[in-house]
Amino acid sequence: MQASKLSIVQTGEPVLRQKARPVSRGELGTPGIQRLIEQMRDTMRNAPGVGLAAPQVGVPLQLAVIEDSADLLAAMPPERLAQHGRRPVPFHVIVNPVLTLEGDSVEFFEGCLSIAGYVALVPRAARVRVDCWNDDGEEVLIQAEGWYARILQHEIDHLNGTLYVDRMHSRSFTTVDHHKRYWDRLTIEELRRTLLIP
């Protein structure tokens, strides 16, 4: 049985611009927080999305859910998956994460459930290390690369009051429809030249 879904707040809501507070181990085990995790999971899957941070549902806690399911990836061409370094990521929860950026910066178009209908070219670290807790309050070390590293950076930004529009190449900001119509088939180098991104 699915938990009920939550409303995803949109940019302009103050909660998206505040640093979320840490979650204590005692608090993490409460029925209220466990129920929130279930609702966030169902909301993310219903959207559909690959990650959802608690501030995106109006709750200022250092907690996010992540899942890049095989079902979502099945609709993408294999060459696109390889280009993005994208592989299935099972459902998991990150709590009170500490992010360490590693590797070179890579650029891809990125969207957000809290900025519905838009995407932009966003530079992100190719690899990351995340020290956090899981939903049982156990310490976890995540070392990720490719699209998984991008998801982690995006969701952890939410926990610190940052949106992808703060990091994007502003000239690339576009509606999803226009991205598909004009920009989706270009390489990153072609995009940068066409959009006059230095």
Protein backbone atom coordinates (compact mmCIF):
# COMPACT_ATOMS: atom_id res chain seq x y z
CA MET A 1 0.00 0.00 0.00
CA GLN A 2 1.37 3.40 -0.98
CA ALA A 3 1.73 6.25 1.47
CA SER A 4 -0.12 9.41 0.48
CA LYS A 5 1.75 11.81 -1.76
CA LEU A 6 2.83 15.32 -0.79
CA SER A 7 2.70 18.64 -2.64
CA ILE A 8 6.03 19.79 -4.10
CA VAL A 9 6.64 23.46 -3.35
CA GLN A 10 7.82 25.72 -6.16
CA THR A 11 10.57 28.32 -6.31
CA GLY A 12 9.64 31.40 -4.33
CA GLU A 13 8.66 29.42 -1.24
CA PRO A 14 10.95 30.60 1.60
CA VAL A 15 11.69 27.02 2.73
CA LEU A 16 13.65 26.45 -0.50
CA ARG A 17 16.03 29.28 0.39
CA GLN A 18 16.79 28.30 3.99
CA LYS A 19 19.42 25.93 5.33
CA ALA A 20 17.56 22.90 6.65
CA ARG A 21 18.22 21.79 10.20
CA PRO A 22 19.94 18.49 11.09
CA VAL A 23 17.89 15.46 12.13
CA SER A 24 18.75 13.77 15.44
CA ARG A 25 19.00 9.98 15.65
CA GLY A 26 16.13 9.92 18.11
CA GLU A 27 13.96 11.97 15.80
CA LEU A 28 14.87 9.84 12.77
CA GLY A 29 13.32 6.74 14.30
CA THR A 30 9.97 8.33 15.07
CA PRO A 31 6.82 7.27 13.20
CA GLY A 32 6.42 10.83 11.91
CA ILE A 33 9.81 10.92 10.17
CA GLN A 34 9.46 7.36 8.85
CA ARG A 35 6.05 8.31 7.45
CA LEU A 36 7.58 11.43 5.86
CA ILE A 37 10.21 9.26 4.14
CA GLU A 38 7.50 6.97 2.73
CA GLN A 39 5.49 9.95 1.49
CA MET A 40 8.57 11.54 -0.09
CA ARG A 41 9.39 8.26 -1.85
CA ASP A 42 5.90 8.02 -3.32
CA THR A 43 5.87 11.72 -4.26
CA MET A 44 9.24 11.39 -6.04
CA ARG A 45 8.13 8.30 -7.94
CA ASN A 46 4.82 9.87 -8.91
CA ALA A 47 6.43 13.08 -10.25
CA PRO A 48 8.48 11.23 -11.68
CA GLY A 49 11.87 12.31 -10.38
CA VAL A 50 15.20 10.87 -9.29
CA GLY A 51 15.50 12.71 -5.98
CA LEU A 52 13.47 14.76 -3.55
CA ALA A 53 14.69 16.78 -0.57
CA ALA A 54 12.53 17.45 2.48
CA PRO A 55 12.51 21.25 1.86
CA GLN A 56 10.82 20.54 -1.49
CA VAL A 57 7.79 19.28 0.41
CA GLY A 58 7.93 22.18 2.85
CA VAL A 59 9.87 20.42 5.63
CA PRO A 60 13.19 22.11 6.56
CA LEU A 61 15.11 18.94 7.53
CA GLN A 62 18.48 17.59 6.32
CA LEU A 63 16.88 14.60 4.64
CA ALA A 64 16.47 13.51 1.01
CA VAL A 65 15.33 10.43 -0.90
CA ILE A 66 17.05 9.24 -4.08
CA GLU A 67 16.25 6.63 -6.73
CA ASP A 68 17.14 6.42 -10.42
CA SER A 69 15.06 3.42 -11.38
CA ALA A 70 15.62 1.06 -14.29
CA ASP A 71 12.10 1.94 -15.48
CA LEU A 72 13.09 5.60 -15.93
CA LEU A 73 16.28 4.64 -17.74
CA ALA A 74 14.54 2.22 -20.10
CA ALA A 75 13.13 5.13 -22.13
CA MET A 76 16.58 6.63 -22.80
CA PRO A 77 18.85 5.64 -25.70
CA PRO A 78 21.91 3.62 -24.57
CA GLU A 79 24.30 6.22 -26.01
CA ARG A 80 22.65 8.96 -23.92
CA LEU A 81 22.93 6.83 -20.78
CA ALA A 82 26.62 6.26 -21.49
CA GLN A 83 27.23 9.96 -22.21
CA HIS A 84 25.64 10.97 -18.90
CA GLY A 85 27.24 8.14 -16.92
CA ARG A 86 23.77 7.08 -15.87
CA ARG A 87 22.99 3.72 -14.29
CA PRO A 88 20.17 2.51 -12.02
CA VAL A 89 20.44 3.68 -8.40
CA PRO A 90 18.27 1.83 -5.85
CA PHE A 91 16.03 3.75 -3.47
CA HIS A 92 17.83 5.13 -0.44
CA VAL A 93 17.70 7.95 2.08
CA ILE A 94 20.45 10.42 2.98
CA VAL A 95 20.33 12.25 6.31
CA ASN A 96 22.60 15.09 7.47
CA PRO A 97 24.93 14.69 4.46
CA VAL A 98 28.40 16.19 4.20
CA LEU A 99 29.46 16.58 0.56
CA THR A 100 33.02 16.48 -0.79
CA LEU A 101 33.46 17.32 -4.48
CA GLU A 102 35.98 15.32 -6.51
CA GLY A 103 37.08 15.21 -10.12
CA ASP A 104 36.61 17.64 -12.98
CA SER A 105 33.48 19.68 -13.62
CA VAL A 106 31.04 18.34 -16.23
CA GLU A 107 28.03 20.09 -17.75
CA PHE A 108 24.60 18.68 -18.57
CA PHE A 109 21.06 20.02 -18.70
CA GLU A 110 19.35 19.65 -15.35
CA GLY A 111 15.80 20.20 -14.13
CA CYS A 112 14.10 20.37 -10.76
CA LEU A 113 10.68 19.35 -9.46
CA SER A 114 10.55 22.71 -7.65
CA ILE A 115 11.19 24.68 -10.86
CA ALA A 116 8.68 22.77 -12.92
CA GLY A 117 8.85 23.00 -16.70
CA TYR A 118 12.38 24.41 -17.05
CA VAL A 119 15.93 23.12 -17.50
CA ALA A 120 19.41 24.64 -17.81
CA LEU A 121 23.01 23.67 -18.37
CA VAL A 122 24.60 23.16 -14.94
CA PRO A 123 28.26 22.42 -14.17
CA ARG A 124 28.75 19.78 -11.47
CA ALA A 125 31.66 17.74 -10.11
CA ALA A 126 32.12 14.44 -11.92
CA ARG A 127 32.63 12.53 -8.66
CA VAL A 128 31.59 13.07 -5.05
CA ARG A 129 31.96 11.64 -1.59
CA VAL A 130 29.00 11.91 0.78
CA ASP A 131 29.21 11.12 4.49
CA CYS A 132 25.71 10.76 5.91
CA TRP A 133 23.27 8.55 7.80
CA ASN A 134 20.74 6.21 6.27
CA ASP A 135 17.12 6.03 7.41
CA ASP A 136 18.13 3.73 10.29
CA GLY A 137 20.59 6.30 11.62
CA GLU A 138 23.62 4.26 10.52
CA GLU A 139 26.69 6.08 9.24
CA VAL A 140 27.13 5.63 5.50
CA LEU A 141 29.85 6.59 3.04
CA ILE A 142 28.71 7.09 -0.56
CA GLN A 143 31.24 7.45 -3.37
CA ALA A 144 29.49 8.28 -6.61
CA GLU A 145 30.26 9.35 -10.15
CA GLY A 146 28.34 10.28 -13.26
CA TRP A 147 24.65 11.08 -13.01
CA TYR A 148 24.40 9.67 -9.47
CA ALA A 149 27.00 12.24 -8.36
CA ARG A 150 24.89 14.95 -10.02
CA ILE A 151 21.73 13.80 -8.23
CA LEU A 152 23.50 13.87 -4.87
CA GLN A 153 24.86 17.38 -5.48
CA HIS A 154 21.44 18.64 -6.57
CA GLU A 155 19.61 17.22 -3.53
CA ILE A 156 22.26 18.32 -1.03
CA ASP A 157 22.08 21.82 -2.53
CA HIS A 158 18.38 21.82 -1.60
CA LEU A 159 19.31 21.08 2.01
CA ASN A 160 21.47 24.20 2.02
CA GLY A 161 18.95 26.56 0.40
CA THR A 162 20.53 26.41 -3.06
CA LEU A 163 18.73 25.77 -6.37
CA TYR A 164 20.28 24.78 -9.69
CA VAL A 165 19.48 28.26 -11.04
CA ASP A 166 22.21 29.55 -8.70
CA ARG A 167 24.76 27.37 -10.53
CA MET A 168 23.45 27.27 -14.10
CA HIS A 169 24.75 28.98 -17.23
CA SER A 170 21.96 31.56 -17.32
CA ARG A 171 21.98 31.79 -21.13
CA SER A 172 20.95 28.12 -21.31
CA PHE A 173 17.81 28.48 -19.14
CA THR A 174 14.85 27.23 -21.20
CA THR A 175 11.51 25.51 -21.05
CA VAL A 176 11.53 21.73 -21.31
CA ASP A 177 9.63 21.98 -24.61
CA HIS A 178 12.16 24.36 -26.15
CA HIS A 179 15.03 22.21 -24.89
CA LYS A 180 13.59 19.22 -26.74
CA ARG A 181 12.90 21.33 -29.84
CA TYR A 182 16.21 23.19 -30.17
CA TRP A 183 18.97 22.04 -27.86
CA ASP A 184 18.64 18.36 -26.97
CA ARG A 185 20.51 17.02 -30.02
CA LEU A 186 23.53 19.31 -29.71
CA THR A 187 26.77 18.38 -27.99
CA ILE A 188 27.83 20.43 -24.99
CA GLU A 189 30.49 22.12 -27.14
CA GLU A 190 27.88 23.03 -29.79
CA LEU A 191 25.55 24.34 -27.09
CA ARG A 192 28.23 26.55 -25.61
CA ARG A 193 29.08 28.01 -29.03
CA THR A 194 25.44 28.51 -30.05
CA LEU A 195 24.40 30.08 -26.75
CA LEU A 196 27.59 32.18 -26.52
CA ILE A 197 28.54 30.67 -23.17
CA PRO A 198 32.17 31.64 -22.39
